[in-house]
Amino acid sequence: MPRRRPAPPSPAGDAAEPPRIIGGSLRRRRLAHLPGGPTRPMKDRVREALFDLLGTGVRESLVLDLFAGTGALGFEALSRGAARAVFTERHFPTADAIRRSARDLGVAERCEVRPGDVFMWTKRLPDLPPESPWLTFVSPPWSMFQDRRDDLMALVATLLAAAPARSVMVVEGDGSFDPAALPDAAAWEHRPVLPAVLHFHGRLVS
């Protein structure tokens, strides 16, 4: 009987592995995810560089994880001392996976998942606690920087105007996005961490 050849490696590579939390109290814990689903998790090395740059500024913040996907950014922030996290995700099964992760990690009481289209926030910003600085992550599918750039920039502008003092916003894009399009363009810092470019508005602590 001929021997079966081993299956070729998946073209998705490590994308098939559940995302893991890199640092903090939940380090090495895995997140629920949908294999083959619509999410584009941030690469581990990009996420690690991002949180190194944020440093202690994560602590006690209210995290807004927009276009949340697996929720890796919000859960990473909670692991490193953020007070609460609000996740927005328009794909309802993926939003359910975020809730499952929150329960599995034991942080459900510090999490709120809001399914739906985050672009609606430009028309009616939801009630968000003003007493803590916001740490806002805007990490959409990169195609949106071309297909829905005006909507994205309007969302960024709305959140910058509403954010309390000492808040920080991070926009993750690729190298094709021109940061001159960002609202208050001169106030942003830009850090390339291949394959991404991280854009920061607000004072970095580290």
Protein backbone atom coordinates (compact mmCIF):
# COMPACT_ATOMS: atom_id res chain seq x y z
CA MET A 1 0.00 0.00 0.00
CA PRO A 2 1.56 3.36 -1.00
CA ARG A 3 2.42 5.76 1.76
CA ARG A 4 0.31 8.86 2.00
CA ARG A 5 2.15 12.09 1.51
CA PRO A 6 1.84 14.56 4.35
CA ALA A 7 -0.60 17.38 3.79
CA PRO A 8 1.00 20.58 2.56
CA PRO A 9 1.27 23.36 5.09
CA SER A 10 -1.70 25.69 5.30
CA PRO A 11 -1.17 28.92 3.34
CA ALA A 12 -2.52 30.73 6.38
CA GLY A 13 0.54 29.66 8.38
CA ASP A 14 0.29 30.73 12.01
CA ALA A 15 -3.02 32.48 11.28
CA ALA A 16 -4.69 29.13 12.05
CA GLU A 17 -3.34 29.21 15.62
CA PRO A 18 -5.51 30.92 18.25
CA PRO A 19 -4.01 34.32 19.12
CA ARG A 20 -2.20 34.46 22.45
CA ILE A 21 -1.72 37.22 24.99
CA ILE A 22 1.93 38.28 25.07
CA GLY A 23 2.41 40.01 28.44
CA GLY A 24 0.87 40.86 31.77
CA SER A 25 -1.29 38.84 34.15
CA LEU A 26 -2.89 36.80 31.34
CA ARG A 27 0.35 36.08 29.52
CA ARG A 28 0.33 33.02 27.25
CA ARG A 29 -3.45 32.58 27.49
CA ARG A 30 -5.15 31.85 24.16
CA LEU A 31 -8.19 33.61 22.71
CA ALA A 32 -11.25 32.09 21.09
CA HIS A 33 -11.22 32.57 17.34
CA LEU A 34 -12.95 31.37 14.17
CA PRO A 35 -10.47 29.56 11.88
CA GLY A 36 -10.90 30.88 8.35
CA GLY A 37 -13.03 33.74 9.65
CA PRO A 38 -12.92 37.39 8.59
CA THR A 39 -10.42 38.64 11.17
CA ARG A 40 -6.86 39.85 10.53
CA PRO A 41 -5.11 39.50 13.90
CA MET A 42 -2.23 41.90 14.44
CA LYS A 43 1.10 40.09 14.20
CA ASP A 44 2.57 39.19 17.60
CA ARG A 45 5.72 41.20 16.97
CA VAL A 46 3.68 44.27 16.02
CA ARG A 47 1.49 43.93 19.12
CA GLU A 48 4.55 43.48 21.34
CA ALA A 49 6.19 46.60 19.89
CA LEU A 50 2.94 48.53 20.29
CA PHE A 51 2.60 47.75 23.99
CA ASP A 52 6.29 48.41 24.60
CA LEU A 53 5.70 51.90 23.20
CA LEU A 54 2.55 52.44 25.27
CA GLY A 55 4.32 51.36 28.44
CA THR A 56 2.56 52.16 31.72
CA GLY A 57 0.07 54.40 29.91
CA VAL A 58 -2.16 51.35 29.52
CA ARG A 59 -2.88 51.15 33.26
CA GLU A 60 -6.33 52.19 34.47
CA SER A 61 -7.39 53.31 30.98
CA LEU A 62 -10.70 52.63 29.26
CA VAL A 63 -9.81 50.66 26.14
CA LEU A 64 -11.82 51.05 22.95
CA ASP A 65 -10.93 48.15 20.65
CA LEU A 66 -12.56 49.12 17.35
CA PHE A 67 -12.78 46.61 14.50
CA ALA A 68 -11.90 44.24 17.32
CA GLY A 69 -11.69 40.90 15.50
CA THR A 70 -10.43 38.43 18.10
CA GLY A 71 -10.16 41.23 20.67
CA ALA A 72 -6.42 40.65 21.00
CA LEU A 73 -5.62 44.33 21.53
CA GLY A 74 -8.28 44.87 24.16
CA PHE A 75 -7.44 41.69 26.07
CA GLU A 76 -3.71 42.49 25.89
CA ALA A 77 -4.46 45.87 27.43
CA LEU A 78 -6.57 44.31 30.20
CA SER A 79 -3.75 41.88 30.90
CA ARG A 80 -1.41 44.85 31.35
CA GLY A 81 -3.62 46.79 33.75
CA ALA A 82 -6.36 48.56 31.77
CA ALA A 83 -9.51 49.10 33.83
CA ARG A 84 -12.14 48.16 31.24
CA ALA A 85 -12.46 47.36 27.55
CA VAL A 86 -15.20 48.05 25.02
CA PHE A 87 -15.00 45.89 21.90
CA THR A 88 -16.81 46.74 18.67
CA GLU A 89 -17.14 44.07 15.99
CA ARG A 90 -19.65 43.99 13.14
CA HIS A 91 -19.36 40.22 12.46
CA PHE A 92 -21.75 38.72 15.02
CA PRO A 93 -20.14 35.24 15.32
CA THR A 94 -16.79 36.95 15.93
CA ALA A 95 -18.39 39.18 18.57
CA ASP A 96 -19.66 36.02 20.26
CA ALA A 97 -16.09 34.64 20.25
CA ILE A 98 -14.91 37.81 22.04
CA ARG A 99 -17.53 37.21 24.74
CA ARG A 100 -16.32 33.62 25.04
CA SER A 101 -12.73 34.79 25.48
CA ALA A 102 -13.80 37.25 28.18
CA ARG A 103 -15.51 34.45 30.10
CA ASP A 104 -12.64 32.01 29.63
CA LEU A 105 -10.09 34.59 30.79
CA GLY A 106 -12.13 35.56 33.83
CA VAL A 107 -12.45 39.23 32.83
CA ALA A 108 -16.08 39.33 31.63
CA GLU A 109 -17.03 41.90 34.28
CA ARG A 110 -14.43 44.29 32.79
CA CYS A 111 -15.56 43.80 29.19
CA GLU A 112 -18.39 45.09 27.03
CA VAL A 113 -18.94 43.80 23.50
CA ARG A 114 -20.93 46.02 21.14
CA PRO A 115 -21.79 44.22 17.89
CA GLY A 116 -22.52 46.42 14.90
CA ASP A 117 -21.03 48.99 12.57
CA VAL A 118 -18.54 51.21 14.38
CA PHE A 119 -18.91 53.87 11.67
CA MET A 120 -22.28 54.71 13.21
CA TRP A 121 -20.32 56.21 16.12
CA THR A 122 -19.64 59.28 13.96
CA LYS A 123 -23.40 59.99 14.00
CA ARG A 124 -24.18 59.05 17.58
CA LEU A 125 -21.24 58.47 19.88
CA PRO A 126 -22.28 56.00 22.60
CA ASP A 127 -22.10 56.87 26.26
CA LEU A 128 -18.55 56.22 27.44
CA PRO A 129 -17.18 56.94 30.92
CA PRO A 130 -15.29 60.27 30.85
CA GLU A 131 -13.44 59.79 34.13
CA SER A 132 -10.61 57.60 32.73
CA PRO A 133 -8.31 58.33 29.79
CA TRP A 134 -9.23 56.38 26.68
CA LEU A 135 -6.81 54.08 24.92
CA THR A 136 -8.37 53.70 21.48
CA PHE A 137 -7.22 51.14 18.93
CA VAL A 138 -8.28 51.66 15.32
CA SER A 139 -7.10 48.56 13.47
CA PRO A 140 -9.44 47.96 10.52
CA PRO A 141 -8.94 45.78 7.45
CA TRP A 142 -6.25 47.64 5.54
CA SER A 143 -8.42 47.80 2.43
CA MET A 144 -10.58 50.33 4.30
CA PHE A 145 -7.78 52.89 4.08
CA GLN A 146 -8.56 53.03 0.37
CA ASP A 147 -12.21 51.94 0.17
CA ARG A 148 -13.54 53.89 3.18
CA ARG A 149 -10.81 56.38 4.00
CA ASP A 150 -13.18 59.33 4.48
CA ASP A 151 -15.37 57.31 6.87
CA LEU A 152 -12.32 56.16 8.82
CA MET A 153 -10.92 59.66 9.17
CA ALA A 154 -14.33 60.98 10.27
CA LEU A 155 -14.45 58.27 12.94
CA VAL A 156 -10.95 59.17 14.14
CA ALA A 157 -11.86 62.88 14.27
CA THR A 158 -15.03 62.19 16.26
CA LEU A 159 -13.19 60.11 18.85
CA LEU A 160 -10.31 62.57 19.18
CA ALA A 161 -12.78 65.38 19.87
CA ALA A 162 -14.67 63.34 22.49
CA ALA A 163 -11.71 61.74 24.30
CA PRO A 164 -10.84 62.91 27.84
CA ALA A 165 -7.50 64.48 28.67
CA ARG A 166 -4.43 62.20 28.59
CA SER A 167 -6.08 59.83 26.11
CA VAL A 168 -4.07 57.99 23.46
CA MET A 169 -5.21 56.74 20.07
CA VAL A 170 -3.40 54.19 17.92
CA VAL A 171 -4.20 53.72 14.24
CA GLU A 172 -2.66 50.68 12.57
CA GLY A 173 -2.26 50.82 8.81
CA ASP A 174 0.07 49.59 6.13
CA GLY A 175 2.76 51.48 4.29
CA SER A 176 0.42 52.65 1.53
CA PHE A 177 -1.62 54.87 3.86
CA ASP A 178 -0.63 58.54 3.83
CA PRO A 179 -0.70 59.78 7.45
CA ALA A 180 -1.20 63.34 6.22
CA ALA A 181 -4.86 62.34 5.90
CA LEU A 182 -5.18 61.89 9.69
CA PRO A 183 -7.08 64.62 11.57
CA ASP A 184 -4.72 66.95 13.46
CA ALA A 185 -2.00 65.45 11.28
CA ALA A 186 0.96 67.28 12.85
CA ALA A 187 0.23 65.83 16.32
CA TRP A 188 0.77 62.17 15.41
CA GLU A 189 3.89 60.04 15.91
CA HIS A 190 4.58 57.33 13.34
CA ARG A 191 6.42 54.07 14.04
CA PRO A 192 6.95 51.47 11.29
CA VAL A 193 6.80 47.91 12.62
CA LEU A 194 6.68 45.75 9.51
CA PRO A 195 4.35 44.86 7.95
CA ALA A 196 2.41 47.61 9.75
CA VAL A 197 2.85 51.30 10.50
CA LEU A 198 1.59 52.46 13.90
CA HIS A 199 0.30 56.02 14.23
CA PHE A 200 0.01 57.46 17.77
CA HIS A 201 -1.97 60.50 18.92
CA GLY A 202 -1.30 61.42 22.54
CA ARG A 203 1.76 61.27 24.75
CA LEU A 204 3.64 57.99 24.86
CA VAL A 205 4.82 57.12 28.37
CA SER A 206 7.69 54.75 27.58
